[in-house]
Amino acid sequence: MKILGIDPGLDATGFACIELKQDFSPAKIHEDLSLVEVGTIFSGSDQSQEERLKHIHSKLKKLITGIKPDAVVVEDIYSNSVYPKSGLKMGHVKGVVELAVAQAGIKLSNLNATKIKKSLTGRGNATKVQVAKMIENTFNMKGLSNLHESDALAAALAYIFVNLKKVSIV
């Protein structure tokens, strides 16, 4: 099973695909889980918002066609009331993500950041750095390019833990 995690953002949309072996066992998570692809879709701040959204949509469609995930999980939007425009921009990107996934006919799940953090670290208020460290440990990595990639990978992993219940790396 391939699971594509997406962390939506107008400047940078992180994505990460993981694959579970067919006979996946939670006891052998390190052996039965592999990283297929991870990266970031950047959009130029010198372009209009419409062009940036079109670019993200196009890249996501190509990515989904190439990877052929069985499920896609998107981190829900959280907006700080001090910066409401940020949440609105992320909402536009999330809509573009949802459109690309719907066009591909793939199951879409949404997980909020608290649920993702809790499923990976045991604490819903873990920091992004703590989550990134858990990701590095799970995949024996030295580090990802940015926190968008880490958040996307965290969403994909959390999808497993939430849907397979009682699975934990903590």
C-alpha atoms as a PDB file:
ATOM      1  CA  MET A   1       0.000   0.000   0.000  1.00  0.00           C
ATOM      2  CA  LYS A   2       1.322   3.443  -0.969  1.00  0.00           C
ATOM      3  CA  ILE A   3       0.337   6.460   1.113  1.00  0.00           C
ATOM      4  CA  LEU A   4       1.047   9.998  -0.064  1.00  0.00           C
ATOM      5  CA  GLY A   5       1.237  12.659   2.648  1.00  0.00           C
ATOM      6  CA  ILE A   6       0.885  16.332   1.744  1.00  0.00           C
ATOM      7  CA  ASP A   7       1.618  19.452   3.778  1.00  0.00           C
ATOM      8  CA  PRO A   8      -0.118  22.269   1.859  1.00  0.00           C
ATOM      9  CA  GLY A   9       1.459  25.701   1.576  1.00  0.00           C
ATOM     10  CA  LEU A  10       1.462  28.419  -1.062  1.00  0.00           C
ATOM     11  CA  ASP A  11       5.223  29.032  -0.974  1.00  0.00           C
ATOM     12  CA  ALA A  12       6.134  25.392  -0.369  1.00  0.00           C
ATOM     13  CA  THR A  13       3.957  22.267  -0.470  1.00  0.00           C
ATOM     14  CA  GLY A  14       5.698  19.282   1.052  1.00  0.00           C
ATOM     15  CA  PHE A  15       4.962  15.751  -0.111  1.00  0.00           C
ATOM     16  CA  ALA A  16       6.122  12.303   0.925  1.00  0.00           C
ATOM     17  CA  CYS A  17       5.112   8.835  -0.184  1.00  0.00           C
ATOM     18  CA  ILE A  18       5.654   5.741   1.917  1.00  0.00           C
ATOM     19  CA  GLU A  19       4.924   2.134   1.049  1.00  0.00           C
ATOM     20  CA  LEU A  20       3.888  -0.687   3.316  1.00  0.00           C
ATOM     21  CA  LYS A  21       4.782  -4.263   2.450  1.00  0.00           C
ATOM     22  CA  GLN A  22       1.777  -6.419   1.663  1.00  0.00           C
ATOM     23  CA  ASP A  23       2.309  -8.472   4.833  1.00  0.00           C
ATOM     24  CA  PHE A  24       2.918  -5.360   6.961  1.00  0.00           C
ATOM     25  CA  SER A  25       3.445  -6.057  10.626  1.00  0.00           C
ATOM     26  CA  PRO A  26       3.501  -3.288  13.224  1.00  0.00           C
ATOM     27  CA  ALA A  27       6.169  -5.239  15.081  1.00  0.00           C
ATOM     28  CA  LYS A  28       8.469  -4.908  12.053  1.00  0.00           C
ATOM     29  CA  ILE A  29       7.611  -1.346  11.083  1.00  0.00           C
ATOM     30  CA  HIS A  30      11.234  -0.436  10.311  1.00  0.00           C
ATOM     31  CA  GLU A  31      11.544  -3.357   7.871  1.00  0.00           C
ATOM     32  CA  ASP A  32       8.005  -3.277   6.417  1.00  0.00           C
ATOM     33  CA  LEU A  33       7.902   0.437   5.654  1.00  0.00           C
ATOM     34  CA  SER A  34       9.863   2.174   2.922  1.00  0.00           C
ATOM     35  CA  LEU A  35      10.199   5.718   1.679  1.00  0.00           C
ATOM     36  CA  VAL A  36       9.201   5.990  -1.989  1.00  0.00           C
ATOM     37  CA  GLU A  37       9.650   9.700  -2.626  1.00  0.00           C
ATOM     38  CA  VAL A  38       9.880  12.949  -0.722  1.00  0.00           C
ATOM     39  CA  GLY A  39      10.116  16.532  -1.906  1.00  0.00           C
ATOM     40  CA  THR A  40       8.729  20.035  -2.045  1.00  0.00           C
ATOM     41  CA  ILE A  41       6.754  21.886  -4.676  1.00  0.00           C
ATOM     42  CA  PHE A  42       7.838  25.525  -4.630  1.00  0.00           C
ATOM     43  CA  SER A  43       5.872  28.339  -6.224  1.00  0.00           C
ATOM     44  CA  GLY A  44       7.358  31.710  -7.092  1.00  0.00           C
ATOM     45  CA  SER A  45       6.256  34.666  -5.020  1.00  0.00           C
ATOM     46  CA  ASP A  46       6.680  36.829  -8.140  1.00  0.00           C
ATOM     47  CA  GLN A  47       3.680  35.091  -9.741  1.00  0.00           C
ATOM     48  CA  SER A  48       0.003  35.776  -9.159  1.00  0.00           C
ATOM     49  CA  GLN A  49      -1.803  33.563  -6.670  1.00  0.00           C
ATOM     50  CA  GLU A  50      -3.769  31.995  -9.540  1.00  0.00           C
ATOM     51  CA  GLU A  51      -0.568  31.046 -11.379  1.00  0.00           C
ATOM     52  CA  ARG A  52       0.946  29.638  -8.201  1.00  0.00           C
ATOM     53  CA  LEU A  53      -2.132  27.488  -7.551  1.00  0.00           C
ATOM     54  CA  LYS A  54      -2.119  26.306 -11.171  1.00  0.00           C
ATOM     55  CA  HIS A  55       1.567  25.348 -10.816  1.00  0.00           C
ATOM     56  CA  ILE A  56       0.959  23.406  -7.589  1.00  0.00           C
ATOM     57  CA  HIS A  57      -2.054  21.623  -9.116  1.00  0.00           C
ATOM     58  CA  SER A  58      -0.070  20.651 -12.214  1.00  0.00           C
ATOM     59  CA  LYS A  59       2.870  19.312 -10.184  1.00  0.00           C
ATOM     60  CA  LEU A  60       0.550  17.361  -7.874  1.00  0.00           C
ATOM     61  CA  LYS A  61      -1.292  15.776 -10.796  1.00  0.00           C
ATOM     62  CA  LYS A  62       2.031  14.611 -12.289  1.00  0.00           C
ATOM     63  CA  LEU A  63       3.197  13.367  -8.907  1.00  0.00           C
ATOM     64  CA  ILE A  64      -0.008  11.413  -8.276  1.00  0.00           C
ATOM     65  CA  THR A  65       0.071   9.922 -11.785  1.00  0.00           C
ATOM     66  CA  GLY A  66       3.684   8.842 -11.300  1.00  0.00           C
ATOM     67  CA  ILE A  67       3.424   7.453  -7.778  1.00  0.00           C
ATOM     68  CA  LYS A  68      -0.084   5.983  -8.025  1.00  0.00           C
ATOM     69  CA  PRO A  69      -0.823   6.141  -4.280  1.00  0.00           C
ATOM     70  CA  ASP A  70      -3.606   4.058  -2.743  1.00  0.00           C
ATOM     71  CA  ALA A  71      -4.435   6.819  -0.273  1.00  0.00           C
ATOM     72  CA  VAL A  72      -3.606  10.499   0.155  1.00  0.00           C
ATOM     73  CA  VAL A  73      -3.557  12.246   3.510  1.00  0.00           C
ATOM     74  CA  VAL A  74      -3.471  16.012   3.885  1.00  0.00           C
ATOM     75  CA  GLU A  75      -2.613  17.911   7.020  1.00  0.00           C
ATOM     76  CA  ASP A  76      -5.629  20.019   7.996  1.00  0.00           C
ATOM     77  CA  ILE A  77      -5.259  23.777   7.932  1.00  0.00           C
ATOM     78  CA  TYR A  78      -4.522  25.564  11.167  1.00  0.00           C
ATOM     79  CA  SER A  79      -4.699  29.319  11.136  1.00  0.00           C
ATOM     80  CA  ASN A  80      -3.457  31.595  13.854  1.00  0.00           C
ATOM     81  CA  SER A  81      -5.979  34.373  14.467  1.00  0.00           C
ATOM     82  CA  VAL A  82      -3.110  36.877  14.375  1.00  0.00           C
ATOM     83  CA  TYR A  83      -2.398  35.940  10.715  1.00  0.00           C
ATOM     84  CA  PRO A  84      -5.781  35.027   9.172  1.00  0.00           C
ATOM     85  CA  LYS A  85      -4.566  35.606   5.597  1.00  0.00           C
ATOM     86  CA  SER A  86      -2.077  32.752   5.968  1.00  0.00           C
ATOM     87  CA  GLY A  87      -4.898  30.330   6.702  1.00  0.00           C
ATOM     88  CA  LEU A  88      -6.862  31.580   3.714  1.00  0.00           C
ATOM     89  CA  LYS A  89      -3.883  31.064   1.388  1.00  0.00           C
ATOM     90  CA  MET A  90      -3.306  27.565   2.749  1.00  0.00           C
ATOM     91  CA  GLY A  91      -7.014  26.869   2.291  1.00  0.00           C
ATOM     92  CA  HIS A  92      -6.692  27.679  -1.405  1.00  0.00           C
ATOM     93  CA  VAL A  93      -3.759  25.277  -1.706  1.00  0.00           C
ATOM     94  CA  LYS A  94      -5.656  22.580   0.204  1.00  0.00           C
ATOM     95  CA  GLY A  95      -8.514  22.991  -2.271  1.00  0.00           C
ATOM     96  CA  VAL A  96      -6.115  22.502  -5.182  1.00  0.00           C
ATOM     97  CA  VAL A  97      -4.723  19.380  -3.481  1.00  0.00           C
ATOM     98  CA  GLU A  98      -8.220  18.017  -2.926  1.00  0.00           C
ATOM     99  CA  LEU A  99      -9.098  18.691  -6.570  1.00  0.00           C
ATOM    100  CA  ALA A 100      -6.019  16.838  -7.877  1.00  0.00           C
ATOM    101  CA  VAL A 101      -6.753  13.866  -5.603  1.00  0.00           C
ATOM    102  CA  ALA A 102     -10.443  13.794  -6.577  1.00  0.00           C
ATOM    103  CA  GLN A 103      -9.537  13.939 -10.271  1.00  0.00           C
ATOM    104  CA  ALA A 104      -7.332  10.882  -9.768  1.00  0.00           C
ATOM    105  CA  GLY A 105     -10.145   9.035  -7.971  1.00  0.00           C
ATOM    106  CA  ILE A 106      -8.082   8.353  -4.859  1.00  0.00           C
ATOM    107  CA  LYS A 107      -9.272   8.196  -1.260  1.00  0.00           C
ATOM    108  CA  LEU A 108      -8.462  11.406   0.628  1.00  0.00           C
ATOM    109  CA  SER A 109      -8.065  11.691   4.386  1.00  0.00           C
ATOM    110  CA  ASN A 110      -7.545  14.789   6.500  1.00  0.00           C
ATOM    111  CA  LEU A 111      -5.661  14.739   9.780  1.00  0.00           C
ATOM    112  CA  ASN A 112      -5.140  17.686  12.085  1.00  0.00           C
ATOM    113  CA  ALA A 113      -1.665  18.511  13.343  1.00  0.00           C
ATOM    114  CA  THR A 114      -2.467  17.516  16.928  1.00  0.00           C
ATOM    115  CA  LYS A 115      -3.545  14.020  15.882  1.00  0.00           C
ATOM    116  CA  ILE A 116      -0.454  13.623  13.684  1.00  0.00           C
ATOM    117  CA  LYS A 117       1.874  14.716  16.474  1.00  0.00           C
ATOM    118  CA  LYS A 118       0.165  12.532  19.074  1.00  0.00           C
ATOM    119  CA  SER A 119       0.307   9.434  16.881  1.00  0.00           C
ATOM    120  CA  LEU A 120       4.040   9.901  16.259  1.00  0.00           C
ATOM    121  CA  THR A 121       5.361  11.223  19.544  1.00  0.00           C
ATOM    122  CA  GLY A 122       2.646  10.436  22.065  1.00  0.00           C
ATOM    123  CA  ARG A 123       2.094  14.175  22.602  1.00  0.00           C
ATOM    124  CA  GLY A 124      -0.306  16.359  20.645  1.00  0.00           C
ATOM    125  CA  ASN A 125       1.706  19.462  21.495  1.00  0.00           C
ATOM    126  CA  ALA A 126       5.071  18.171  20.249  1.00  0.00           C
ATOM    127  CA  THR A 127       7.163  20.680  18.322  1.00  0.00           C
ATOM    128  CA  LYS A 128       7.889  20.422  14.600  1.00  0.00           C
ATOM    129  CA  VAL A 129      11.501  19.678  15.501  1.00  0.00           C
ATOM    130  CA  GLN A 130      10.458  16.760  17.753  1.00  0.00           C
ATOM    131  CA  VAL A 131       8.283  15.355  14.975  1.00  0.00           C
ATOM    132  CA  ALA A 132      11.137  15.756  12.473  1.00  0.00           C
ATOM    133  CA  LYS A 133      13.451  13.877  14.845  1.00  0.00           C
ATOM    134  CA  MET A 134      10.942  11.018  15.128  1.00  0.00           C
ATOM    135  CA  ILE A 135      10.769  10.886  11.326  1.00  0.00           C
ATOM    136  CA  GLU A 136      14.567  10.789  11.064  1.00  0.00           C
ATOM    137  CA  ASN A 137      14.706   7.928  13.564  1.00  0.00           C
ATOM    138  CA  THR A 138      11.961   5.932  11.843  1.00  0.00           C
ATOM    139  CA  PHE A 139      13.597   6.157   8.418  1.00  0.00           C
ATOM    140  CA  ASN A 140      17.222   6.263   9.601  1.00  0.00           C
ATOM    141  CA  MET A 141      17.719   9.596   7.862  1.00  0.00           C
ATOM    142  CA  LYS A 142      20.140  12.396   8.565  1.00  0.00           C
ATOM    143  CA  GLY A 143      17.525  15.040   7.869  1.00  0.00           C
ATOM    144  CA  LEU A 144      15.048  16.270   5.334  1.00  0.00           C
ATOM    145  CA  SER A 145      15.386  19.386   3.200  1.00  0.00           C
ATOM    146  CA  ASN A 146      12.751  21.303   5.165  1.00  0.00           C
ATOM    147  CA  LEU A 147       9.941  21.012   7.692  1.00  0.00           C
ATOM    148  CA  HIS A 148       7.315  20.835   4.913  1.00  0.00           C
ATOM    149  CA  GLU A 149       8.755  17.485   3.830  1.00  0.00           C
ATOM    150  CA  SER A 150       8.927  16.325   7.430  1.00  0.00           C
ATOM    151  CA  ASP A 151       5.299  17.344   8.015  1.00  0.00           C
ATOM    152  CA  ALA A 152       4.164  15.510   4.861  1.00  0.00           C
ATOM    153  CA  LEU A 153       6.011  12.370   5.926  1.00  0.00           C
ATOM    154  CA  ALA A 154       4.534  12.684   9.403  1.00  0.00           C
ATOM    155  CA  ALA A 155       1.029  12.887   7.898  1.00  0.00           C
ATOM    156  CA  ALA A 156       1.615   9.732   5.838  1.00  0.00           C
ATOM    157  CA  LEU A 157       2.928   7.848   8.881  1.00  0.00           C
ATOM    158  CA  ALA A 158       0.102   9.074  11.087  1.00  0.00           C
ATOM    159  CA  TYR A 159      -2.383   7.761   8.516  1.00  0.00           C
ATOM    160  CA  ILE A 160      -1.063   4.261   9.205  1.00  0.00           C
ATOM    161  CA  PHE A 161      -1.259   4.653  12.972  1.00  0.00           C
ATOM    162  CA  VAL A 162      -4.745   6.158  12.924  1.00  0.00           C
ATOM    163  CA  ASN A 163      -6.166   3.615  10.484  1.00  0.00           C
ATOM    164  CA  LEU A 164      -4.440   0.491  11.787  1.00  0.00           C
ATOM    165  CA  LYS A 165      -5.080   1.401  15.445  1.00  0.00           C
ATOM    166  CA  LYS A 166      -2.695   0.177  18.108  1.00  0.00           C
ATOM    167  CA  VAL A 167       0.292   0.723  15.782  1.00  0.00           C
ATOM    168  CA  SER A 168       2.890   2.920  17.379  1.00  0.00           C
ATOM    169  CA  ILE A 169       6.568   3.781  17.041  1.00  0.00           C
ATOM    170  CA  VAL A 170       6.650   5.661  20.326  1.00  0.00           C
END
